[in-house]
Amino acid sequence: MQSSWAEEHSQALREYLEKGLSFSRIADAINARFNSAYSRNATIGRARRMGLSGPAGAEDPARPKPRPKPRPARLKKMRARLAAKSRPRLAVFKRARALKLRCVGIVPRHLSLVDLEPGDCRYPYGGDQEGEAITFCGHPSREGSSYCVSHFHLTSSPGTASERIAGKVPLRLVEAA
């Protein structure tokens, strides 16, 4: 394997690793001894390529371990106070019964889909349970709507007239696939 490291530099790296020096100290020692300019990362890379491991648990004596900063006393007091307080339990509410919105003061005609005429209300009834038939109101529809006046107010969204008009967009088919 070709490298820019001379054989005596690699031998010195082995010796310094056996002594337990850190890679930054090894780089400094090799640079001073051979008048070279190897970096700490270069010594680490060379050691790995040679199959050598770094100093096992050796710490750089020039760099002391950083001590954990003591927490302020007021922070400890605040944590103790918050831990002592029990958090109030959230109230558990029972699920409300589903509302039936078909409470309009109108008696539907209960027409089937095939019996509806072009001006009849198309508000659906039934179909809530499986197998139940769906019928329609059948009363005369409001102008511009599919529903009679009572069902129109039941189904129309709140808001101003301009908001309701803006929500209605005519769609047309441009091209069939």
C-alpha atoms as a PDB file:
ATOM      1  CA  MET A   1       0.000   0.000   0.000  1.00  0.00           C
ATOM      2  CA  GLN A   2       1.480   3.299  -1.080  1.00  0.00           C
ATOM      3  CA  SER A   3       1.316   6.320   1.229  1.00  0.00           C
ATOM      4  CA  SER A   4       3.082   9.591   1.790  1.00  0.00           C
ATOM      5  CA  TRP A   5       4.281   8.347   5.172  1.00  0.00           C
ATOM      6  CA  ALA A   6       7.923   7.297   5.364  1.00  0.00           C
ATOM      7  CA  GLU A   7       8.628   3.935   6.998  1.00  0.00           C
ATOM      8  CA  GLU A   8      10.427   5.549   9.963  1.00  0.00           C
ATOM      9  CA  HIS A   9       7.383   7.824  10.530  1.00  0.00           C
ATOM     10  CA  SER A  10       5.077   4.785  10.611  1.00  0.00           C
ATOM     11  CA  GLN A  11       7.456   3.028  13.011  1.00  0.00           C
ATOM     12  CA  ALA A  12       7.417   6.095  15.292  1.00  0.00           C
ATOM     13  CA  LEU A  13       3.610   6.074  15.188  1.00  0.00           C
ATOM     14  CA  ARG A  14       3.639   2.443  16.382  1.00  0.00           C
ATOM     15  CA  GLU A  15       6.048   3.288  19.216  1.00  0.00           C
ATOM     16  CA  TYR A  16       4.036   6.281  20.417  1.00  0.00           C
ATOM     17  CA  LEU A  17       0.787   4.291  20.312  1.00  0.00           C
ATOM     18  CA  GLU A  18       2.418   1.580  22.439  1.00  0.00           C
ATOM     19  CA  LYS A  19       3.346   4.265  24.978  1.00  0.00           C
ATOM     20  CA  GLY A  20      -0.343   5.274  25.118  1.00  0.00           C
ATOM     21  CA  LEU A  21      -0.062   8.791  23.731  1.00  0.00           C
ATOM     22  CA  SER A  22      -3.078  10.450  22.175  1.00  0.00           C
ATOM     23  CA  PHE A  23      -3.165  11.026  18.418  1.00  0.00           C
ATOM     24  CA  SER A  24      -2.683  14.775  18.795  1.00  0.00           C
ATOM     25  CA  ARG A  25       0.425  14.209  20.963  1.00  0.00           C
ATOM     26  CA  ILE A  26       1.713  11.603  18.483  1.00  0.00           C
ATOM     27  CA  ALA A  27       1.300  14.069  15.607  1.00  0.00           C
ATOM     28  CA  ASP A  28       3.180  16.739  17.562  1.00  0.00           C
ATOM     29  CA  ALA A  29       5.992  14.298  18.490  1.00  0.00           C
ATOM     30  CA  ILE A  30       6.426  12.986  14.922  1.00  0.00           C
ATOM     31  CA  ASN A  31       6.391  16.529  13.512  1.00  0.00           C
ATOM     32  CA  ALA A  32       9.036  17.647  16.020  1.00  0.00           C
ATOM     33  CA  ARG A  33      11.200  14.568  15.486  1.00  0.00           C
ATOM     34  CA  PHE A  34      11.081  14.429  11.662  1.00  0.00           C
ATOM     35  CA  ASN A  35      10.296  18.065  10.815  1.00  0.00           C
ATOM     36  CA  SER A  36       7.018  17.032   9.144  1.00  0.00           C
ATOM     37  CA  ALA A  37       3.503  18.504   9.164  1.00  0.00           C
ATOM     38  CA  TYR A  38       1.134  15.653  10.011  1.00  0.00           C
ATOM     39  CA  SER A  39      -2.219  16.515  11.564  1.00  0.00           C
ATOM     40  CA  ARG A  40      -4.022  14.628  14.278  1.00  0.00           C
ATOM     41  CA  ASN A  41      -6.472  13.278  11.662  1.00  0.00           C
ATOM     42  CA  ALA A  42      -3.574  12.148   9.465  1.00  0.00           C
ATOM     43  CA  THR A  43      -2.121  10.108  12.334  1.00  0.00           C
ATOM     44  CA  ILE A  44      -5.541   8.568  13.034  1.00  0.00           C
ATOM     45  CA  GLY A  45      -5.976   7.654   9.353  1.00  0.00           C
ATOM     46  CA  ARG A  46      -2.501   6.163   9.106  1.00  0.00           C
ATOM     47  CA  ALA A  47      -3.017   4.113  12.280  1.00  0.00           C
ATOM     48  CA  ARG A  48      -6.278   2.712  10.901  1.00  0.00           C
ATOM     49  CA  ARG A  49      -4.680   1.840   7.572  1.00  0.00           C
ATOM     50  CA  MET A  50      -1.916   0.039   9.434  1.00  0.00           C
ATOM     51  CA  GLY A  51      -4.526  -1.866  11.451  1.00  0.00           C
ATOM     52  CA  LEU A  52      -3.540  -0.270  14.729  1.00  0.00           C
ATOM     53  CA  SER A  53      -6.030   0.830  17.338  1.00  0.00           C
ATOM     54  CA  GLY A  54      -5.759   4.047  19.250  1.00  0.00           C
ATOM     55  CA  PRO A  55      -4.678   4.376  22.835  1.00  0.00           C
ATOM     56  CA  ALA A  56      -7.090   2.258  24.872  1.00  0.00           C
ATOM     57  CA  GLY A  57      -8.860   4.624  27.226  1.00  0.00           C
ATOM     58  CA  ALA A  58      -5.876   6.938  27.228  1.00  0.00           C
ATOM     59  CA  GLU A  59      -6.870  10.485  27.800  1.00  0.00           C
ATOM     60  CA  ASP A  60      -4.831  13.449  26.841  1.00  0.00           C
ATOM     61  CA  PRO A  61      -3.396  14.611  30.191  1.00  0.00           C
ATOM     62  CA  ALA A  62      -3.246  18.175  28.902  1.00  0.00           C
ATOM     63  CA  ARG A  63      -7.022  18.144  28.462  1.00  0.00           C
ATOM     64  CA  PRO A  64      -8.889  17.543  31.693  1.00  0.00           C
ATOM     65  CA  LYS A  65     -12.360  16.056  31.513  1.00  0.00           C
ATOM     66  CA  PRO A  66     -15.038  18.722  31.529  1.00  0.00           C
ATOM     67  CA  ARG A  67     -16.963  18.753  34.761  1.00  0.00           C
ATOM     68  CA  PRO A  68     -20.720  18.847  34.580  1.00  0.00           C
ATOM     69  CA  LYS A  69     -22.027  22.266  35.512  1.00  0.00           C
ATOM     70  CA  PRO A  70     -23.851  22.301  38.801  1.00  0.00           C
ATOM     71  CA  ARG A  71     -27.524  23.069  38.452  1.00  0.00           C
ATOM     72  CA  PRO A  72     -28.714  26.189  40.187  1.00  0.00           C
ATOM     73  CA  ALA A  73     -30.413  25.584  43.508  1.00  0.00           C
ATOM     74  CA  ARG A  74     -33.578  27.395  42.455  1.00  0.00           C
ATOM     75  CA  LEU A  75     -33.988  24.996  39.532  1.00  0.00           C
ATOM     76  CA  LYS A  76     -33.791  22.034  41.907  1.00  0.00           C
ATOM     77  CA  LYS A  77     -36.367  23.649  44.206  1.00  0.00           C
ATOM     78  CA  MET A  78     -38.709  24.377  41.323  1.00  0.00           C
ATOM     79  CA  ARG A  79     -38.479  20.795  40.057  1.00  0.00           C
ATOM     80  CA  ALA A  80     -39.159  19.440  43.538  1.00  0.00           C
ATOM     81  CA  ARG A  81     -42.179  21.733  43.928  1.00  0.00           C
ATOM     82  CA  LEU A  82     -43.610  20.734  40.559  1.00  0.00           C
ATOM     83  CA  ALA A  83     -43.046  17.043  41.247  1.00  0.00           C
ATOM     84  CA  ALA A  84     -44.793  17.362  44.614  1.00  0.00           C
ATOM     85  CA  LYS A  85     -47.926  18.830  43.050  1.00  0.00           C
ATOM     86  CA  SER A  86     -50.139  16.215  41.576  1.00  0.00           C
ATOM     87  CA  ARG A  87     -51.546  17.218  38.271  1.00  0.00           C
ATOM     88  CA  PRO A  88     -55.337  17.358  38.201  1.00  0.00           C
ATOM     89  CA  ARG A  89     -56.964  14.559  36.322  1.00  0.00           C
ATOM     90  CA  LEU A  90     -58.895  15.480  33.234  1.00  0.00           C
ATOM     91  CA  ALA A  91     -62.610  14.939  33.410  1.00  0.00           C
ATOM     92  CA  VAL A  92     -63.902  12.048  31.345  1.00  0.00           C
ATOM     93  CA  PHE A  93     -67.143  12.837  29.615  1.00  0.00           C
ATOM     94  CA  LYS A  94     -69.618  10.319  28.309  1.00  0.00           C
ATOM     95  CA  ARG A  95     -70.266  10.427  24.600  1.00  0.00           C
ATOM     96  CA  ALA A  96     -73.410  12.357  23.735  1.00  0.00           C
ATOM     97  CA  ARG A  97     -76.154  10.646  21.806  1.00  0.00           C
ATOM     98  CA  ALA A  98     -76.060  11.372  18.083  1.00  0.00           C
ATOM     99  CA  LEU A  99     -78.434  14.129  17.046  1.00  0.00           C
ATOM    100  CA  LYS A 100     -80.988  13.530  14.365  1.00  0.00           C
ATOM    101  CA  LEU A 101     -81.024  16.554  12.086  1.00  0.00           C
ATOM    102  CA  ARG A 102     -84.143  15.527  10.198  1.00  0.00           C
ATOM    103  CA  CYS A 103     -86.389  17.445  12.571  1.00  0.00           C
ATOM    104  CA  VAL A 104     -87.911  19.760  10.001  1.00  0.00           C
ATOM    105  CA  GLY A 105     -91.618  20.538  10.431  1.00  0.00           C
ATOM    106  CA  ILE A 106     -92.526  18.881   7.156  1.00  0.00           C
ATOM    107  CA  VAL A 107     -93.949  15.469   6.438  1.00  0.00           C
ATOM    108  CA  PRO A 108     -91.983  13.885   3.576  1.00  0.00           C
ATOM    109  CA  ARG A 109     -93.728  12.178   0.689  1.00  0.00           C
ATOM    110  CA  HIS A 110     -91.160   9.304   0.766  1.00  0.00           C
ATOM    111  CA  LEU A 111     -90.724   8.986  -2.994  1.00  0.00           C
ATOM    112  CA  SER A 112     -88.227   6.597  -4.518  1.00  0.00           C
ATOM    113  CA  LEU A 113     -85.521   7.906  -6.819  1.00  0.00           C
ATOM    114  CA  VAL A 114     -87.328   6.779  -9.970  1.00  0.00           C
ATOM    115  CA  ASP A 115     -90.575   8.490  -8.865  1.00  0.00           C
ATOM    116  CA  LEU A 116     -88.954  11.950  -8.387  1.00  0.00           C
ATOM    117  CA  GLU A 117     -89.906  14.667 -10.875  1.00  0.00           C
ATOM    118  CA  PRO A 118     -87.445  17.418 -11.985  1.00  0.00           C
ATOM    119  CA  GLY A 119     -88.759  19.986  -9.442  1.00  0.00           C
ATOM    120  CA  ASP A 120     -89.029  17.680  -6.403  1.00  0.00           C
ATOM    121  CA  CYS A 121     -86.954  17.944  -3.194  1.00  0.00           C
ATOM    122  CA  ARG A 122     -84.149  15.413  -3.138  1.00  0.00           C
ATOM    123  CA  TYR A 123     -83.513  15.361   0.604  1.00  0.00           C
ATOM    124  CA  PRO A 124     -82.909  11.690   1.558  1.00  0.00           C
ATOM    125  CA  TYR A 125     -84.652   9.739   4.320  1.00  0.00           C
ATOM    126  CA  GLY A 126     -83.755   6.299   5.622  1.00  0.00           C
ATOM    127  CA  GLY A 127     -80.770   4.142   4.773  1.00  0.00           C
ATOM    128  CA  ASP A 128     -79.421   4.478   8.323  1.00  0.00           C
ATOM    129  CA  GLN A 129     -79.605   0.757   9.007  1.00  0.00           C
ATOM    130  CA  GLU A 130     -78.363  -1.855   6.623  1.00  0.00           C
ATOM    131  CA  GLY A 131     -81.015  -2.911   4.176  1.00  0.00           C
ATOM    132  CA  GLU A 132     -83.307   0.057   4.899  1.00  0.00           C
ATOM    133  CA  ALA A 133     -84.698   1.726   1.789  1.00  0.00           C
ATOM    134  CA  ILE A 134     -83.774   5.315   0.963  1.00  0.00           C
ATOM    135  CA  THR A 135     -86.634   7.609   0.066  1.00  0.00           C
ATOM    136  CA  PHE A 136     -86.770  11.313  -0.736  1.00  0.00           C
ATOM    137  CA  CYS A 137     -88.815  14.262   0.524  1.00  0.00           C
ATOM    138  CA  GLY A 138     -90.553  14.924  -2.821  1.00  0.00           C
ATOM    139  CA  HIS A 139     -92.048  18.367  -1.980  1.00  0.00           C
ATOM    140  CA  PRO A 140     -91.537  21.200  -4.521  1.00  0.00           C
ATOM    141  CA  SER A 141     -87.903  22.366  -4.453  1.00  0.00           C
ATOM    142  CA  ARG A 142     -86.733  25.916  -3.914  1.00  0.00           C
ATOM    143  CA  GLU A 143     -85.583  27.804  -7.029  1.00  0.00           C
ATOM    144  CA  GLY A 144     -81.871  27.161  -7.680  1.00  0.00           C
ATOM    145  CA  SER A 145     -81.725  24.312  -5.147  1.00  0.00           C
ATOM    146  CA  SER A 146     -82.288  20.559  -5.025  1.00  0.00           C
ATOM    147  CA  TYR A 147     -84.171  20.902  -1.723  1.00  0.00           C
ATOM    148  CA  CYS A 148     -87.463  22.377  -0.559  1.00  0.00           C
ATOM    149  CA  VAL A 149     -87.312  25.551   1.579  1.00  0.00           C
ATOM    150  CA  SER A 150     -87.258  23.652   4.907  1.00  0.00           C
ATOM    151  CA  HIS A 151     -84.521  21.248   3.867  1.00  0.00           C
ATOM    152  CA  PHE A 152     -82.552  24.020   2.166  1.00  0.00           C
ATOM    153  CA  HIS A 153     -82.238  25.907   5.468  1.00  0.00           C
ATOM    154  CA  LEU A 154     -81.431  22.680   7.259  1.00  0.00           C
ATOM    155  CA  THR A 155     -78.537  21.877   4.908  1.00  0.00           C
ATOM    156  CA  SER A 156     -77.252  25.319   3.922  1.00  0.00           C
ATOM    157  CA  SER A 157     -74.008  26.409   5.505  1.00  0.00           C
ATOM    158  CA  PRO A 158     -73.915  29.537   7.662  1.00  0.00           C
ATOM    159  CA  GLY A 159     -72.366  32.650   6.261  1.00  0.00           C
ATOM    160  CA  THR A 160     -73.253  35.565   4.082  1.00  0.00           C
ATOM    161  CA  ALA A 161     -75.003  35.241   0.773  1.00  0.00           C
ATOM    162  CA  SER A 162     -71.797  36.108  -1.082  1.00  0.00           C
ATOM    163  CA  GLU A 163     -69.943  33.317   0.745  1.00  0.00           C
ATOM    164  CA  ARG A 164     -72.646  30.823  -0.220  1.00  0.00           C
ATOM    165  CA  ILE A 165     -72.632  32.010  -3.846  1.00  0.00           C
ATOM    166  CA  ALA A 166     -68.829  31.848  -4.011  1.00  0.00           C
ATOM    167  CA  GLY A 167     -68.969  28.220  -2.873  1.00  0.00           C
ATOM    168  CA  LYS A 168     -71.074  27.195  -5.874  1.00  0.00           C
ATOM    169  CA  VAL A 169     -68.884  26.672  -8.905  1.00  0.00           C
ATOM    170  CA  PRO A 170     -70.332  25.234 -12.087  1.00  0.00           C
ATOM    171  CA  LEU A 171     -68.248  22.380 -13.431  1.00  0.00           C
ATOM    172  CA  ARG A 172     -68.158  21.214 -17.000  1.00  0.00           C
ATOM    173  CA  LEU A 173     -66.436  18.278 -18.562  1.00  0.00           C
ATOM    174  CA  VAL A 174     -63.726  19.506 -20.943  1.00  0.00           C
ATOM    175  CA  GLU A 175     -62.445  16.218 -22.263  1.00  0.00           C
ATOM    176  CA  ALA A 176     -63.342  12.657 -21.493  1.00  0.00           C
ATOM    177  CA  ALA A 177     -60.522  10.263 -20.798  1.00  0.00           C
END
